Amino acid sequence: MVLVRTTPPRPVEVTELFPELAPLARPAVRLHPRPGSPSVKDSSVGGPLLWPADEPWPHCEDAHLHGDSGFRESPAAIRLGRYRRAQQHDDSYGPLFTPEEVAALEQKAARLAERLDAGPPLPEECPVPLLPVAQLYLRDVPLLRPPVEADLLQILWCPYDHKPDWKPATRVFWRSAASVTDVLATPPEPYEVNYDGYVPEPCLLAPEAITEYPCSLDLSPELRQVVGDWSRWQAARAVVDGSYEEYPAEYYDAHLADTPGWKAGGWPPWGRTDPIPRYCAVCEARMVPLLTIASFEWDGETYGWAPQEERDAAYARGHLAGLNPAQPTRVEVGSTDNMQLYVCPESPEHPHTDLIQ
């Protein structure tokens, strides 16, 4: 079955209300990750990667003791806990495992206790195998700009907090899918993670091409004044809640500008700080958004972006802890923020950068 998710029409057509914003339109692809059983041939979040058997699996060599949260649980134990909680509460948004997969997870979960009983060096004192975060095929996300002959983007991270920003350390890999003839069947996995929000739930994607506009913080002072002019909204007879009369730019940000949730390309989400331009460490070109790793697909202010197929879930009054349909990946970065990955527009092979917003 093909997974389809559709962004509802915006309550106001942006360029009709503000023609000045038309030149700022950017393409983006909402990924709409939803729990499933992806294979190495699928674009996914938290799924298996098309990784060559003869290429070493990446490890993090950093020191991990400085970010110790006291949390000690393996990725397998975390996924088992999510599965059992979903089964207990008949959660249709929860993970689905076969009995064989459950048995394999139980076996993996036991490895951490055995490893800790073995004594030092402890897992965090050793090189840590990275966890898959996302795999995107160019056929599913055509706006990617890979190196020549590459058609596959793979993103992994180390599931420990790293200085100076206390976030997972990310790695980006580009490759040609056709060049992978022998796939690594059983990649190594960390014994433990620093936080359960750093273990993505395996999700299939429903990529949807959309057009985005910058949030008000990314606008020039002149354009910020335009979207904040209540008389412009009234003159266009825009159907906007009168409670926004004092701060109409907040309505623009929540309902018309950049989309919430996991996405490729588009405009970055801001709010934790003012916009921070990122520049390539090699050529000094201004970097562009590659991927937004989101804690939530929507929240109380942005539920209007919830797909048409999930409107009932978005408008539901409440959900059991850990069973929120707005958090299908179970990823949580920062204080329920977003992690933004940037790449160099001149060469995708130049080092990427990231930040939390």
Protein backbone atom coordinates (compact mmCIF):
# COMPACT_ATOMS: atom_id res chain seq x y z
CA MET A 1 0.00 0.00 0.00
CA VAL A 2 1.33 3.43 -0.95
CA LEU A 3 1.41 5.84 1.98
CA VAL A 4 -0.16 9.21 1.11
CA ARG A 5 -0.36 12.33 3.24
CA THR A 6 -1.72 15.65 1.96
CA THR A 7 -1.16 19.12 3.38
CA PRO A 8 -4.49 21.00 3.62
CA PRO A 9 -4.83 24.20 1.56
CA ARG A 10 -3.63 27.25 3.46
CA PRO A 11 -6.38 29.40 4.96
CA VAL A 12 -5.01 32.32 2.92
CA GLU A 13 -3.07 32.27 -0.36
CA VAL A 14 0.25 33.79 0.64
CA THR A 15 1.14 35.57 -2.60
CA GLU A 16 -2.36 36.94 -3.06
CA LEU A 17 -2.20 38.53 0.37
CA PHE A 18 1.47 39.50 0.14
CA PRO A 19 2.72 39.61 -3.48
CA GLU A 20 6.03 40.92 -2.14
CA LEU A 21 6.80 37.41 -0.82
CA ALA A 22 6.52 35.65 -4.19
CA PRO A 23 10.28 35.87 -4.95
CA LEU A 24 11.00 34.19 -1.61
CA ALA A 25 9.07 30.99 -2.38
CA ARG A 26 11.15 27.83 -1.95
CA PRO A 27 10.43 24.20 -2.77
CA ALA A 28 10.39 21.71 0.07
CA VAL A 29 9.38 18.09 0.54
CA ARG A 30 7.40 17.16 3.62
CA LEU A 31 8.51 13.63 4.46
CA HIS A 32 5.50 12.61 6.59
CA PRO A 33 7.25 9.72 8.38
CA ARG A 34 4.87 7.11 9.81
CA PRO A 35 5.69 3.88 11.69
CA GLY A 36 6.26 0.93 9.40
CA SER A 37 8.73 -1.73 8.31
CA PRO A 38 11.04 -0.10 5.77
CA SER A 39 13.66 -2.10 3.90
CA VAL A 40 17.05 -0.95 2.62
CA LYS A 41 15.35 -0.17 -0.68
CA ASP A 42 12.99 2.36 0.90
CA SER A 43 13.37 5.98 1.87
CA SER A 44 12.87 5.97 5.62
CA VAL A 45 13.42 7.50 9.02
CA GLY A 46 15.11 5.16 11.49
CA GLY A 47 15.07 2.28 9.01
CA PRO A 48 17.84 0.01 7.70
CA LEU A 49 20.41 1.57 5.38
CA LEU A 50 21.65 0.39 2.01
CA TRP A 51 25.18 0.12 3.39
CA PRO A 52 27.97 -1.70 1.54
CA ALA A 53 29.17 -4.84 3.34
CA ASP A 54 32.78 -3.94 2.58
CA GLU A 55 32.56 -0.39 3.99
CA PRO A 56 33.23 0.07 7.73
CA TRP A 57 30.21 1.17 9.72
CA PRO A 58 30.80 4.70 11.10
CA HIS A 59 31.58 5.10 14.79
CA CYS A 60 31.86 8.19 17.00
CA GLU A 61 35.30 8.54 18.57
CA ASP A 62 34.37 11.48 20.80
CA ALA A 63 34.41 11.39 24.59
CA HIS A 64 30.89 10.75 25.88
CA LEU A 65 31.27 11.05 29.63
CA HIS A 66 30.72 14.83 29.62
CA GLY A 67 27.12 14.45 28.46
CA ASP A 68 26.07 11.69 30.86
CA SER A 69 22.34 12.02 31.60
CA GLY A 70 22.23 8.95 33.82
CA PHE A 71 19.98 7.29 31.24
CA ARG A 72 21.03 3.69 30.59
CA GLU A 73 18.91 1.83 28.03
CA SER A 74 19.62 0.13 24.75
CA PRO A 75 17.92 1.06 21.46
CA ALA A 76 16.29 -2.38 21.39
CA ALA A 77 14.87 -1.99 24.91
CA ILE A 78 13.48 1.44 23.99
CA ARG A 79 11.76 0.07 20.90
CA LEU A 80 10.36 -2.86 22.88
CA GLY A 81 8.95 -0.47 25.46
CA ARG A 82 7.26 1.60 22.76
CA TYR A 83 5.83 -1.51 21.15
CA ARG A 84 4.41 -2.90 24.39
CA ARG A 85 2.92 0.46 25.36
CA ALA A 86 1.25 0.72 21.96
CA GLN A 87 -0.11 -2.83 22.26
CA GLN A 88 -1.42 -2.16 25.74
CA HIS A 89 -3.34 0.92 24.62
CA ASP A 90 -4.32 -0.31 21.14
CA ASP A 91 -2.42 2.57 19.57
CA SER A 92 -2.81 2.59 15.79
CA TYR A 93 0.19 4.95 15.51
CA GLY A 94 2.52 2.64 17.40
CA PRO A 95 5.21 0.31 15.99
CA LEU A 96 4.23 -3.05 14.51
CA PHE A 97 6.55 -6.03 15.00
CA THR A 98 6.24 -9.71 14.14
CA PRO A 99 6.81 -12.25 16.94
CA GLU A 100 10.21 -12.96 15.39
CA GLU A 101 11.14 -9.27 15.48
CA VAL A 102 10.06 -9.01 19.11
CA ALA A 103 12.24 -12.00 20.00
CA ALA A 104 15.20 -10.44 18.19
CA LEU A 105 14.71 -7.16 20.06
CA GLU A 106 14.55 -8.97 23.39
CA GLN A 107 17.81 -10.70 22.57
CA LYS A 108 19.45 -7.41 21.65
CA ALA A 109 18.12 -5.70 24.78
CA ALA A 110 19.85 -8.27 26.97
CA ARG A 111 23.23 -7.28 25.51
CA LEU A 112 23.45 -4.06 27.53
CA ALA A 113 23.13 -5.81 30.91
CA GLU A 114 25.73 -8.36 29.84
CA ARG A 115 28.06 -5.60 28.66
CA LEU A 116 27.74 -3.60 31.89
CA ASP A 117 28.38 -6.73 33.96
CA ALA A 118 31.62 -7.25 32.03
CA GLY A 119 33.11 -4.14 33.66
CA PRO A 120 35.27 -1.36 32.19
CA PRO A 121 35.77 0.07 29.72
CA LEU A 122 32.11 1.07 29.76
CA PRO A 123 30.22 1.54 26.47
CA GLU A 124 30.47 5.34 26.56
CA GLU A 125 34.26 5.07 26.88
CA CYS A 126 34.53 3.17 23.59
CA PRO A 127 33.87 4.15 19.96
CA VAL A 128 30.07 4.27 19.58
CA PRO A 129 28.37 2.82 16.48
CA LEU A 130 26.14 5.46 14.89
CA LEU A 131 22.38 5.05 14.61
CA PRO A 132 20.54 5.50 11.28
CA VAL A 133 18.41 8.64 11.28
CA ALA A 134 17.23 8.97 7.68
CA GLN A 135 17.72 7.47 4.23
CA LEU A 136 16.42 9.47 1.26
CA TYR A 137 16.44 8.27 -2.34
CA LEU A 138 16.61 10.96 -5.01
CA ARG A 139 13.61 9.37 -6.74
CA ASP A 140 11.50 10.20 -3.66
CA VAL A 141 13.04 13.59 -2.84
CA PRO A 142 14.03 15.09 -6.22
CA LEU A 143 15.10 18.45 -4.79
CA LEU A 144 18.20 16.89 -3.21
CA ARG A 145 21.41 18.05 -4.89
CA PRO A 146 23.76 15.07 -4.56
CA PRO A 147 27.28 14.73 -5.92
CA VAL A 148 27.62 13.45 -9.48
CA GLU A 149 26.30 9.88 -9.86
CA ALA A 150 24.96 9.76 -6.29
CA ASP A 151 21.24 9.21 -5.78
CA LEU A 152 21.05 8.30 -2.11
CA LEU A 153 21.45 10.38 1.07
CA GLN A 154 22.11 8.67 4.39
CA ILE A 155 22.19 10.48 7.75
CA LEU A 156 23.33 8.91 11.01
CA TRP A 157 24.05 10.25 14.48
CA CYS A 158 25.74 9.38 17.73
CA PRO A 159 23.00 8.97 20.38
CA TYR A 160 24.91 10.87 23.06
CA ASP A 161 24.87 14.61 23.78
CA HIS A 162 27.96 16.38 22.46
CA LYS A 163 29.50 19.68 23.41
CA PRO A 164 29.15 22.57 22.94
CA ASP A 165 25.43 22.44 22.09
CA TRP A 166 24.42 19.20 23.84
CA LYS A 167 23.00 17.42 20.83
CA PRO A 168 23.72 14.24 18.85
CA ALA A 169 26.69 14.43 16.49
CA THR A 170 25.51 13.89 12.89
CA ARG A 171 27.21 12.35 9.86
CA VAL A 172 26.11 12.70 6.22
CA PHE A 173 26.85 10.20 3.45
CA TRP A 174 26.04 10.35 -0.27
CA ARG A 175 26.27 7.26 -2.47
CA SER A 176 25.05 5.59 -5.65
CA ALA A 177 22.47 2.94 -4.82
CA ALA A 178 23.45 0.91 -7.88
CA SER A 179 27.03 0.65 -6.62
CA VAL A 180 25.92 -1.29 -3.53
CA THR A 181 25.79 -4.91 -4.61
CA ASP A 182 26.42 -6.60 -1.25
CA VAL A 183 24.48 -5.01 1.64
CA LEU A 184 25.66 -5.07 5.25
CA ALA A 185 23.07 -7.36 6.83
CA THR A 186 23.64 -6.69 10.55
CA PRO A 187 25.11 -3.25 11.30
CA PRO A 188 26.56 -2.73 14.79
CA GLU A 189 24.34 -0.91 17.24
CA PRO A 190 25.17 1.13 20.35
CA TYR A 191 24.89 -0.72 23.64
CA GLU A 192 23.10 2.26 25.14
CA VAL A 193 21.88 5.76 24.33
CA ASN A 194 21.96 9.05 26.21
CA TYR A 195 18.23 9.70 25.76
CA ASP A 196 15.33 7.70 24.32
CA GLY A 197 14.45 10.59 21.98
CA TYR A 198 17.67 9.83 20.09
CA VAL A 199 16.32 6.46 18.90
CA PRO A 200 14.17 7.01 15.79
CA GLU A 201 11.26 4.64 15.33
CA PRO A 202 11.47 2.89 11.92
CA CYS A 203 9.16 4.85 9.62
CA LEU A 204 8.14 4.75 5.99
CA LEU A 205 7.72 8.09 4.23
CA ALA A 206 4.97 9.75 2.21
CA PRO A 207 6.97 12.51 0.47
CA GLU A 208 4.92 15.53 -0.59
CA ALA A 209 6.28 18.44 -2.63
CA ILE A 210 5.17 21.82 -1.30
CA THR A 211 6.08 25.50 -1.54
CA GLU A 212 7.28 27.38 1.53
CA TYR A 213 7.81 30.96 2.57
CA PRO A 214 10.21 32.28 5.23
CA CYS A 215 9.07 32.82 8.77
CA SER A 216 8.82 36.45 9.84
CA LEU A 217 12.24 36.33 11.53
CA ASP A 218 13.83 35.55 8.15
CA LEU A 219 12.17 38.54 6.46
CA SER A 220 13.74 41.95 5.95
CA PRO A 221 12.55 44.66 8.37
CA GLU A 222 10.38 46.09 5.57
CA LEU A 223 8.67 42.78 4.81
CA ARG A 224 8.30 42.01 8.50
CA GLN A 225 6.37 45.23 8.78
CA VAL A 226 4.19 44.18 5.83
CA VAL A 227 3.10 40.83 7.33
CA GLY A 228 2.59 42.56 10.68
CA ASP A 229 0.26 45.19 9.22
CA TRP A 230 -3.25 44.21 10.36
CA SER A 231 -4.86 46.56 7.84
CA ARG A 232 -3.37 44.45 5.00
CA TRP A 233 -5.11 41.38 6.38
CA GLN A 234 -8.37 43.25 6.75
CA ALA A 235 -8.21 44.77 3.27
CA ALA A 236 -7.78 41.30 1.76
CA ARG A 237 -10.70 40.07 3.87
CA ALA A 238 -8.50 37.30 5.15
CA VAL A 239 -10.30 34.94 7.49
CA VAL A 240 -8.06 35.36 10.50
CA ASP A 241 -8.95 35.04 14.17
CA GLY A 242 -9.32 38.51 15.66
CA SER A 243 -7.10 37.47 18.55
CA TYR A 244 -4.16 37.95 16.18
CA GLU A 245 -4.99 41.61 15.56
CA GLU A 246 -2.15 42.82 17.78
CA TYR A 247 0.42 40.36 16.38
CA PRO A 248 -0.70 39.17 12.92
CA ALA A 249 2.86 38.03 12.11
CA GLU A 250 2.31 35.21 14.62
CA TYR A 251 -0.60 33.96 12.50
CA TYR A 252 1.58 34.17 9.40
CA ASP A 253 4.32 32.14 11.10
CA ALA A 254 1.99 29.45 12.42
CA HIS A 255 -0.23 28.97 9.35
CA LEU A 256 1.41 30.34 6.20
CA ALA A 257 5.21 30.30 6.39
CA ASP A 258 7.54 27.33 6.82
CA THR A 259 5.93 23.97 7.53
CA PRO A 260 6.45 22.07 10.77
CA GLY A 261 7.69 18.48 10.87
CA TRP A 262 10.34 16.48 9.03
CA LYS A 263 11.18 17.97 5.65
CA ALA A 264 13.90 18.33 3.04
CA GLY A 265 14.86 21.74 1.69
CA GLY A 266 12.57 24.70 2.19
CA TRP A 267 13.02 27.42 4.79
CA PRO A 268 14.47 26.78 8.24
CA PRO A 269 12.36 27.01 11.40
CA TRP A 270 13.51 29.70 13.81
CA GLY A 271 12.34 30.72 17.23
CA ARG A 272 14.91 29.38 19.68
CA THR A 273 17.19 32.14 18.36
CA ASP A 274 17.10 34.75 15.64
CA PRO A 275 18.26 33.49 12.21
CA ILE A 276 21.91 32.47 12.19
CA PRO A 277 23.51 32.33 8.71
CA ARG A 278 25.70 29.27 8.24
CA TYR A 279 28.77 29.45 6.01
CA CYS A 280 30.73 26.63 4.43
CA ALA A 281 34.02 25.97 6.21
CA VAL A 282 35.70 25.22 2.88
CA CYS A 283 34.48 27.86 0.39
CA GLU A 284 32.55 30.29 2.67
CA ALA A 285 29.37 29.97 0.59
CA ARG A 286 26.18 30.56 2.54
CA MET A 287 24.80 27.12 3.34
CA VAL A 288 21.25 25.98 2.57
CA PRO A 289 18.82 23.73 4.47
CA LEU A 290 19.17 20.03 3.72
CA LEU A 291 16.95 18.33 6.29
CA THR A 292 14.80 19.28 9.26
CA ILE A 293 14.70 16.62 11.98
CA ALA A 294 11.60 17.53 13.95
CA SER A 295 10.44 16.56 17.42
CA PHE A 296 6.81 16.95 16.33
CA GLU A 297 4.92 16.99 13.04
CA TRP A 298 2.57 19.63 14.46
CA ASP A 299 1.72 21.18 17.82
CA GLY A 300 -1.03 23.23 19.42
CA GLU A 301 -0.24 26.27 17.26
CA THR A 302 0.44 24.45 13.98
CA TYR A 303 -2.14 21.65 13.94
CA GLY A 304 -3.57 23.29 10.80
CA TRP A 305 -0.63 21.72 8.95
CA ALA A 306 -1.67 18.19 9.97
CA PRO A 307 -2.40 16.11 6.84
CA GLN A 308 -5.96 15.87 5.67
CA GLU A 309 -5.84 12.13 6.30
CA GLU A 310 -5.10 12.74 10.01
CA ARG A 311 -7.27 15.70 10.91
CA ASP A 312 -9.23 13.79 13.55
CA ALA A 313 -6.02 12.79 15.34
CA ALA A 314 -4.67 16.35 15.16
CA TYR A 315 -7.81 17.81 16.71
CA ALA A 316 -8.21 15.13 19.38
CA ARG A 317 -8.20 16.60 22.87
CA GLY A 318 -5.46 14.48 24.34
CA HIS A 319 -3.23 11.42 23.97
CA LEU A 320 -1.52 9.05 26.34
CA ALA A 321 2.09 9.93 27.08
CA GLY A 322 4.37 8.56 24.38
CA LEU A 323 1.48 7.82 22.00
CA ASN A 324 1.12 11.21 20.33
CA PRO A 325 0.32 10.85 16.60
CA ALA A 326 2.17 14.13 16.05
CA GLN A 327 5.39 12.36 17.07
CA PRO A 328 5.49 9.25 14.86
CA THR A 329 9.29 9.00 14.84
CA ARG A 330 9.52 9.34 18.65
CA VAL A 331 12.55 11.56 18.03
CA GLU A 332 13.00 14.49 20.37
CA VAL A 333 15.86 16.97 20.09
CA GLY A 334 16.56 19.94 22.32
CA SER A 335 13.47 20.97 24.27
CA THR A 336 11.04 19.47 21.73
CA ASP A 337 12.82 21.52 19.07
CA ASN A 338 14.12 20.85 15.54
CA MET A 339 17.58 19.91 14.35
CA GLN A 340 18.42 21.66 11.09
CA LEU A 341 21.09 20.19 8.80
CA TYR A 342 22.74 22.51 6.26
CA VAL A 343 24.88 21.78 3.20
CA CYS A 344 27.06 23.84 0.91
CA PRO A 345 25.23 24.83 -2.33
CA GLU A 346 28.54 24.77 -4.23
CA SER A 347 29.51 21.23 -3.28
CA PRO A 348 27.46 18.72 -1.25
CA GLU A 349 30.74 16.98 -0.45
CA HIS A 350 31.91 19.92 1.65
CA PRO A 351 31.33 19.37 5.40
CA HIS A 352 27.75 19.88 6.53
CA THR A 353 26.71 21.68 9.71
CA ASP A 354 23.71 21.52 12.04
CA LEU A 355 22.00 23.41 14.83
CA ILE A 356 19.01 23.11 17.16
CA GLN A 357 16.04 25.43 16.71
